[in-house]
Amino acid sequence: MPFDVFYVVLTGRFAHSNGRSYSSLDIEKTITLMNEFDIYHLKDRQFNELSGGEKQRVLLCRVINMDTDILLLDEPFSGVDMLHQAGLIKILKVLKDKQAIVVVIHDLSFAINHFDRFIFFKSQDNSNKNASLLYDLSSDTLSNNKMRDVFGIDIELLDHNNKKFVFLRD
């Protein structure tokens, strides 16, 4: 994408535009959101020159700038440093009261400590086709046995200082 970062994030507002130009409200919302995401200082940089984590934050900002009722996010923290992961979690926690947010994430310890609800699907032949709902759980109902059912391996959930950690059992 040979575009500057500001334009990439602004294009998230396209559905709200007249199709030819963006309104002052679109520009204002874009600037505000870019500041929340700590990427406004990147506004004049070319998207294709950013690091992987910066690109991830820009694209997530663009998606949230779309202002939809539902957010579908696939590995939104991938490549993002811990400081900015914490900031993204704060943003998502504010948004969850206004939008339905579905996040696909493979870091179970991170997920358990930051998300409220877990939906697990399982296919009979591991093809990921025709998968059926196995569990719809809150974070406090996750258990070693249920994790074993989902992943087919022996997993242990450890509680420490009101945080949960996931370990593979030897």
Foldseek 3Di string as FASTA:
>chain_A
DQDFLLVLLLVLQCVVDPNPDDDPVSSVLSCVLCVLLVNNVRRGPTLVPDDPQSNLSSNVSSPVSNVDQEAEEEASCVPHDPVSVVSVLVVVVVCVVRHHYHYHDDQVQVCLQRDFWDWAWDDPVPPPPPTDTDDIDTSVPDAQVSVCVRPVFRWHWDDDPNGIHIDGDD
